[in-house]
Amino acid sequence: MPMKLTVADLKSLKALLRYARELIDDAANTSRAADDTARHIRLRSLSRQVDDELDSLAQSLAAAERAAKS
């Protein structure tokens, strides 16, 4: 059975994903400074994946908020 998330759950998840992206970006910048190009590229890719998840979550959150108002 799928788990139902509340609007508050989605907002918390969004905040956690943003924080994770900040940590990933910091690590990517550190790897660039250390000339670890392969790691930098992998981290930037992961950062883009987190951004995609944030976009998807924002859409889900907006839909949940609209449904809650109905």
PDB file of N, CA and C in Angstrom:
ATOM      1  N   MET A   1       0.844  -1.167   0.000  1.00  0.00           N
ATOM      2  CA  MET A   1       0.000   0.000   0.000  1.00  0.00           C
ATOM      3  C   MET A   1       0.902   1.246   0.000  1.00  0.00           C
ATOM      4  N   PRO A   2       0.685   2.175  -0.949  1.00  0.00           N
ATOM      5  CA  PRO A   2       1.508   3.379  -1.005  1.00  0.00           C
ATOM      6  C   PRO A   2       1.269   4.267   0.224  1.00  0.00           C
ATOM      7  N   MET A   3       2.345   4.918   0.627  1.00  0.00           N
ATOM      8  CA  MET A   3       2.256   5.805   1.786  1.00  0.00           C
ATOM      9  C   MET A   3       1.740   7.165   1.334  1.00  0.00           C
ATOM     10  N   LYS A   4       0.806   7.723   2.091  1.00  0.00           N
ATOM     11  CA  LYS A   4       0.289   9.053   1.772  1.00  0.00           C
ATOM     12  C   LYS A   4       1.073  10.086   2.555  1.00  0.00           C
ATOM     13  N   LEU A   5       1.560  11.094   1.844  1.00  0.00           N
ATOM     14  CA  LEU A   5       2.311  12.169   2.472  1.00  0.00           C
ATOM     15  C   LEU A   5       1.411  13.387   2.631  1.00  0.00           C
ATOM     16  N   THR A   6       1.554  14.056   3.744  1.00  0.00           N
ATOM     17  CA  THR A   6       0.807  15.283   3.962  1.00  0.00           C
ATOM     18  C   THR A   6       1.563  16.455   3.342  1.00  0.00           C
ATOM     19  N   VAL A   7       0.906  17.594   3.281  1.00  0.00           N
ATOM     20  CA  VAL A   7       1.562  18.805   2.772  1.00  0.00           C
ATOM     21  C   VAL A   7       2.784  19.120   3.638  1.00  0.00           C
ATOM     22  N   ALA A   8       2.647  18.966   4.951  1.00  0.00           N
ATOM     23  CA  ALA A   8       3.776  19.232   5.852  1.00  0.00           C
ATOM     24  C   ALA A   8       4.935  18.268   5.571  1.00  0.00           C
ATOM     25  N   ASP A   9       4.614  16.994   5.291  1.00  0.00           N
ATOM     26  CA  ASP A   9       5.660  16.021   4.944  1.00  0.00           C
ATOM     27  C   ASP A   9       6.401  16.452   3.684  1.00  0.00           C
ATOM     28  N   LEU A  10       5.650  16.892   2.682  1.00  0.00           N
ATOM     29  CA  LEU A  10       6.258  17.313   1.421  1.00  0.00           C
ATOM     30  C   LEU A  10       7.135  18.547   1.615  1.00  0.00           C
ATOM     31  N   LYS A  11       6.688  19.480   2.456  1.00  0.00           N
ATOM     32  CA  LYS A  11       7.492  20.675   2.726  1.00  0.00           C
ATOM     33  C   LYS A  11       8.782  20.304   3.449  1.00  0.00           C
ATOM     34  N   SER A  12       8.693  19.369   4.383  1.00  0.00           N
ATOM     35  CA  SER A  12       9.901  18.915   5.094  1.00  0.00           C
ATOM     36  C   SER A  12      10.863  18.226   4.141  1.00  0.00           C
ATOM     37  N   LEU A  13      10.333  17.396   3.266  1.00  0.00           N
ATOM     38  CA  LEU A  13      11.154  16.700   2.288  1.00  0.00           C
ATOM     39  C   LEU A  13      11.833  17.694   1.351  1.00  0.00           C
ATOM     40  N   LYS A  14      11.104  18.712   0.967  1.00  0.00           N
ATOM     41  CA  LYS A  14      11.665  19.741   0.092  1.00  0.00           C
ATOM     42  C   LYS A  14      12.836  20.450   0.781  1.00  0.00           C
ATOM     43  N   ALA A  15      12.672  20.773   2.053  1.00  0.00           N
ATOM     44  CA  ALA A  15      13.749  21.434   2.798  1.00  0.00           C
ATOM     45  C   ALA A  15      14.964  20.517   2.915  1.00  0.00           C
ATOM     46  N   LEU A  16      14.743  19.241   3.154  1.00  0.00           N
ATOM     47  CA  LEU A  16      15.854  18.292   3.252  1.00  0.00           C
ATOM     48  C   LEU A  16      16.584  18.146   1.927  1.00  0.00           C
ATOM     49  N   LEU A  17      15.841  18.093   0.831  1.00  0.00           N
ATOM     50  CA  LEU A  17      16.473  17.988  -0.481  1.00  0.00           C
ATOM     51  C   LEU A  17      17.293  19.236  -0.806  1.00  0.00           C
ATOM     52  N   ARG A  18      16.795  20.395  -0.423  1.00  0.00           N
ATOM     53  CA  ARG A  18      17.563  21.628  -0.655  1.00  0.00           C
ATOM     54  C   ARG A  18      18.866  21.605   0.137  1.00  0.00           C
ATOM     55  N   TYR A  19      18.782  21.154   1.375  1.00  0.00           N
ATOM     56  CA  TYR A  19      19.986  21.059   2.200  1.00  0.00           C
ATOM     57  C   TYR A  19      20.967  20.054   1.601  1.00  0.00           C
ATOM     58  N   ALA A  20      20.445  18.925   1.131  1.00  0.00           N
ATOM     59  CA  ALA A  20      21.306  17.913   0.505  1.00  0.00           C
ATOM     60  C   ALA A  20      21.993  18.493  -0.723  1.00  0.00           C
ATOM     61  N   ARG A  21      21.266  19.259  -1.510  1.00  0.00           N
ATOM     62  CA  ARG A  21      21.862  19.870  -2.701  1.00  0.00           C
ATOM     63  C   ARG A  21      22.975  20.829  -2.310  1.00  0.00           C
ATOM     64  N   GLU A  22      22.787  21.591  -1.244  1.00  0.00           N
ATOM     65  CA  GLU A  22      23.843  22.504  -0.788  1.00  0.00           C
ATOM     66  C   GLU A  22      25.096  21.724  -0.390  1.00  0.00           C
ATOM     67  N   LEU A  23      24.909  20.620   0.319  1.00  0.00           N
ATOM     68  CA  LEU A  23      26.054  19.797   0.713  1.00  0.00           C
ATOM     69  C   LEU A  23      26.764  19.216  -0.509  1.00  0.00           C
ATOM     70  N   ILE A  24      25.991  18.751  -1.481  1.00  0.00           N
ATOM     71  CA  ILE A  24      26.563  18.191  -2.708  1.00  0.00           C
ATOM     72  C   ILE A  24      27.338  19.265  -3.456  1.00  0.00           C
ATOM     73  N   ASP A  25      26.756  20.464  -3.557  1.00  0.00           N
ATOM     74  CA  ASP A  25      27.434  21.556  -4.254  1.00  0.00           C
ATOM     75  C   ASP A  25      28.735  21.936  -3.554  1.00  0.00           C
ATOM     76  N   ASP A  26      28.718  21.968  -2.228  1.00  0.00           N
ATOM     77  CA  ASP A  26      29.947  22.257  -1.480  1.00  0.00           C
ATOM     78  C   ASP A  26      31.015  21.199  -1.751  1.00  0.00           C
ATOM     79  N   ALA A  27      30.597  19.935  -1.756  1.00  0.00           N
ATOM     80  CA  ALA A  27      31.552  18.857  -2.033  1.00  0.00           C
ATOM     81  C   ALA A  27      32.088  18.955  -3.459  1.00  0.00           C
ATOM     82  N   ALA A  28      31.222  19.332  -4.396  1.00  0.00           N
ATOM     83  CA  ALA A  28      31.661  19.481  -5.786  1.00  0.00           C
ATOM     84  C   ALA A  28      32.682  20.605  -5.910  1.00  0.00           C
ATOM     85  N   ASN A  29      32.448  21.697  -5.222  1.00  0.00           N
ATOM     86  CA  ASN A  29      33.393  22.814  -5.265  1.00  0.00           C
ATOM     87  C   ASN A  29      34.730  22.420  -4.641  1.00  0.00           C
ATOM     88  N   THR A  30      34.678  21.651  -3.566  1.00  0.00           N
ATOM     89  CA  THR A  30      35.903  21.180  -2.917  1.00  0.00           C
ATOM     90  C   THR A  30      36.680  20.253  -3.847  1.00  0.00           C
ATOM     91  N   SER A  31      35.958  19.363  -4.531  1.00  0.00           N
ATOM     92  CA  SER A  31      36.644  18.433  -5.436  1.00  0.00           C
ATOM     93  C   SER A  31      37.249  19.174  -6.626  1.00  0.00           C
ATOM     94  N   ARG A  32      36.587  20.237  -7.069  1.00  0.00           N
ATOM     95  CA  ARG A  32      37.150  21.025  -8.166  1.00  0.00           C
ATOM     96  C   ARG A  32      38.443  21.697  -7.706  1.00  0.00           C
ATOM     97  N   ALA A  33      38.425  22.222  -6.491  1.00  0.00           N
ATOM     98  CA  ALA A  33      39.617  22.882  -5.959  1.00  0.00           C
ATOM     99  C   ALA A  33      40.766  21.886  -5.780  1.00  0.00           C
ATOM    100  N   ALA A  34      40.431  20.625  -5.543  1.00  0.00           N
ATOM    101  CA  ALA A  34      41.460  19.593  -5.350  1.00  0.00           C
ATOM    102  C   ALA A  34      41.830  18.911  -6.669  1.00  0.00           C
ATOM    103  N   ASP A  35      41.344  19.447  -7.777  1.00  0.00           N
ATOM    104  CA  ASP A  35      41.604  18.880  -9.108  1.00  0.00           C
ATOM    105  C   ASP A  35      41.135  17.433  -9.241  1.00  0.00           C
ATOM    106  N   ASP A  36      40.035  17.101  -8.586  1.00  0.00           N
ATOM    107  CA  ASP A  36      39.432  15.774  -8.717  1.00  0.00           C
ATOM    108  C   ASP A  36      38.260  15.905  -9.692  1.00  0.00           C
ATOM    109  N   THR A  37      38.594  15.981 -10.973  1.00  0.00           N
ATOM    110  CA  THR A  37      37.610  16.275 -12.008  1.00  0.00           C
ATOM    111  C   THR A  37      36.506  15.228 -12.092  1.00  0.00           C
ATOM    112  N   ALA A  38      36.858  13.963 -12.001  1.00  0.00           N
ATOM    113  CA  ALA A  38      35.849  12.904 -12.112  1.00  0.00           C
ATOM    114  C   ALA A  38      34.824  13.022 -10.982  1.00  0.00           C
ATOM    115  N   ARG A  39      35.302  13.248  -9.774  1.00  0.00           N
ATOM    116  CA  ARG A  39      34.384  13.380  -8.632  1.00  0.00           C
ATOM    117  C   ARG A  39      33.532  14.634  -8.797  1.00  0.00           C
ATOM    118  N   HIS A  40      34.126  15.704  -9.262  1.00  0.00           N
ATOM    119  CA  HIS A  40      33.393  16.951  -9.482  1.00  0.00           C
ATOM    120  C   HIS A  40      32.247  16.719 -10.470  1.00  0.00           C
ATOM    121  N   ILE A  41      32.521  16.027 -11.552  1.00  0.00           N
ATOM    122  CA  ILE A  41      31.496  15.763 -12.566  1.00  0.00           C
ATOM    123  C   ILE A  41      30.373  14.896 -11.984  1.00  0.00           C
ATOM    124  N   ARG A  42      30.727  13.859 -11.219  1.00  0.00           N
ATOM    125  CA  ARG A  42      29.709  12.995 -10.604  1.00  0.00           C
ATOM    126  C   ARG A  42      28.838  13.780  -9.629  1.00  0.00           C
ATOM    127  N   LEU A  43      29.453  14.652  -8.844  1.00  0.00           N
ATOM    128  CA  LEU A  43      28.692  15.433  -7.877  1.00  0.00           C
ATOM    129  C   LEU A  43      27.786  16.448  -8.566  1.00  0.00           C
ATOM    130  N   ARG A  44      28.253  17.053  -9.625  1.00  0.00           N
ATOM    131  CA  ARG A  44      27.394  17.995 -10.373  1.00  0.00           C
ATOM    132  C   ARG A  44      26.195  17.242 -10.975  1.00  0.00           C
ATOM    133  N   SER A  45      26.429  16.037 -11.463  1.00  0.00           N
ATOM    134  CA  SER A  45      25.341  15.228 -11.990  1.00  0.00           C
ATOM    135  C   SER A  45      24.326  14.909 -10.886  1.00  0.00           C
ATOM    136  N   LEU A  46      24.827  14.551  -9.731  1.00  0.00           N
ATOM    137  CA  LEU A  46      23.949  14.270  -8.597  1.00  0.00           C
ATOM    138  C   LEU A  46      23.177  15.519  -8.198  1.00  0.00           C
ATOM    139  N   SER A  47      23.817  16.662  -8.236  1.00  0.00           N
ATOM    140  CA  SER A  47      23.149  17.921  -7.913  1.00  0.00           C
ATOM    141  C   SER A  47      21.999  18.181  -8.891  1.00  0.00           C
ATOM    142  N   ARG A  48      22.213  17.912 -10.169  1.00  0.00           N
ATOM    143  CA  ARG A  48      21.149  18.085 -11.162  1.00  0.00           C
ATOM    144  C   ARG A  48      20.002  17.110 -10.906  1.00  0.00           C
ATOM    145  N   GLN A  49      20.318  15.896 -10.481  1.00  0.00           N
ATOM    146  CA  GLN A  49      19.273  14.921 -10.161  1.00  0.00           C
ATOM    147  C   GLN A  49      18.435  15.396  -8.972  1.00  0.00           C
ATOM    148  N   VAL A  50      19.104  15.960  -7.975  1.00  0.00           N
ATOM    149  CA  VAL A  50      18.379  16.496  -6.821  1.00  0.00           C
ATOM    150  C   VAL A  50      17.498  17.660  -7.265  1.00  0.00           C
ATOM    151  N   ASP A  51      17.997  18.513  -8.147  1.00  0.00           N
ATOM    152  CA  ASP A  51      17.186  19.611  -8.677  1.00  0.00           C
ATOM    153  C   ASP A  51      15.943  19.081  -9.383  1.00  0.00           C
ATOM    154  N   ASP A  52      16.100  18.016 -10.161  1.00  0.00           N
ATOM    155  CA  ASP A  52      14.953  17.405 -10.838  1.00  0.00           C
ATOM    156  C   ASP A  52      13.938  16.889  -9.823  1.00  0.00           C
ATOM    157  N   GLU A  53      14.441  16.261  -8.756  1.00  0.00           N
ATOM    158  CA  GLU A  53      13.540  15.764  -7.714  1.00  0.00           C
ATOM    159  C   GLU A  53      12.842  16.920  -7.005  1.00  0.00           C
ATOM    160  N   LEU A  54      13.552  18.015  -6.794  1.00  0.00           N
ATOM    161  CA  LEU A  54      12.932  19.192  -6.181  1.00  0.00           C
ATOM    162  C   LEU A  54      11.825  19.753  -7.066  1.00  0.00           C
ATOM    163  N   ASP A  55      12.056  19.792  -8.365  1.00  0.00           N
ATOM    164  CA  ASP A  55      11.025  20.258  -9.296  1.00  0.00           C
ATOM    165  C   ASP A  55       9.788  19.376  -9.227  1.00  0.00           C
ATOM    166  N   SER A  56      10.013  18.067  -9.228  1.00  0.00           N
ATOM    167  CA  SER A  56       8.908  17.120  -9.147  1.00  0.00           C
ATOM    168  C   SER A  56       8.161  17.266  -7.823  1.00  0.00           C
ATOM    169  N   LEU A  57       8.919  17.427  -6.757  1.00  0.00           N
ATOM    170  CA  LEU A  57       8.318  17.592  -5.443  1.00  0.00           C
ATOM    171  C   LEU A  57       7.508  18.884  -5.373  1.00  0.00           C
ATOM    172  N   ALA A  58       8.007  19.936  -5.971  1.00  0.00           N
ATOM    173  CA  ALA A  58       7.281  21.211  -5.979  1.00  0.00           C
ATOM    174  C   ALA A  58       5.934  21.054  -6.682  1.00  0.00           C
ATOM    175  N   GLN A  59       5.910  20.291  -7.760  1.00  0.00           N
ATOM    176  CA  GLN A  59       4.656  20.037  -8.463  1.00  0.00           C
ATOM    177  C   GLN A  59       3.702  19.229  -7.593  1.00  0.00           C
ATOM    178  N   SER A  60       4.232  18.212  -6.916  1.00  0.00           N
ATOM    179  CA  SER A  60       3.406  17.394  -6.022  1.00  0.00           C
ATOM    180  C   SER A  60       2.878  18.217  -4.860  1.00  0.00           C
ATOM    181  N   LEU A  61       3.731  19.084  -4.335  1.00  0.00           N
ATOM    182  CA  LEU A  61       3.332  19.938  -3.225  1.00  0.00           C
ATOM    183  C   LEU A  61       2.217  20.892  -3.644  1.00  0.00           C
ATOM    184  N   ALA A  62       2.362  21.488  -4.806  1.00  0.00           N
ATOM    185  CA  ALA A  62       1.333  22.405  -5.299  1.00  0.00           C
ATOM    186  C   ALA A  62       0.006  21.675  -5.484  1.00  0.00           C
ATOM    187  N   ALA A  63       0.061  20.466  -6.018  1.00  0.00           N
ATOM    188  CA  ALA A  63      -1.161  19.679  -6.206  1.00  0.00           C
ATOM    189  C   ALA A  63      -1.784  19.311  -4.862  1.00  0.00           C
ATOM    190  N   ALA A  64      -0.952  18.949  -3.898  1.00  0.00           N
ATOM    191  CA  ALA A  64      -1.451  18.587  -2.573  1.00  0.00           C
ATOM    192  C   ALA A  64      -2.082  19.791  -1.880  1.00  0.00           C
ATOM    193  N   GLU A  65      -1.453  20.948  -2.039  1.00  0.00           N
ATOM    194  CA  GLU A  65      -2.014  22.157  -1.435  1.00  0.00           C
ATOM    195  C   GLU A  65      -3.343  22.525  -2.080  1.00  0.00           C
ATOM    196  N   ARG A  66      -3.442  22.371  -3.392  1.00  0.00           N
ATOM    197  CA  ARG A  66      -4.715  22.643  -4.070  1.00  0.00           C
ATOM    198  C   ARG A  66      -5.778  21.668  -3.588  1.00  0.00           C
ATOM    199  N   ALA A  67      -5.418  20.399  -3.454  1.00  0.00           N
ATOM    200  CA  ALA A  67      -6.369  19.385  -2.998  1.00  0.00           C
ATOM    201  C   ALA A  67      -6.806  19.648  -1.563  1.00  0.00           C
ATOM    202  N   ALA A  68      -5.889  20.137  -0.731  1.00  0.00           N
ATOM    203  CA  ALA A  68      -6.216  20.410   0.669  1.00  0.00           C
ATOM    204  C   ALA A  68      -7.203  21.573   0.786  1.00  0.00           C
ATOM    205  N   LYS A  69      -7.143  22.502  -0.161  1.00  0.00           N
ATOM    206  CA  LYS A  69      -8.034  23.660  -0.140  1.00  0.00           C
ATOM    207  C   LYS A  69      -9.427  23.299  -0.646  1.00  0.00           C
ATOM    208  N   SER A  70      -9.525  22.222  -1.405  1.00  0.00           N
ATOM    209  CA  SER A  70     -10.821  21.829  -2.002  1.00  0.00           C
ATOM    210  C   SER A  70     -11.753  21.225  -0.986  1.00  0.00           C
TER     211      SER A  70
END
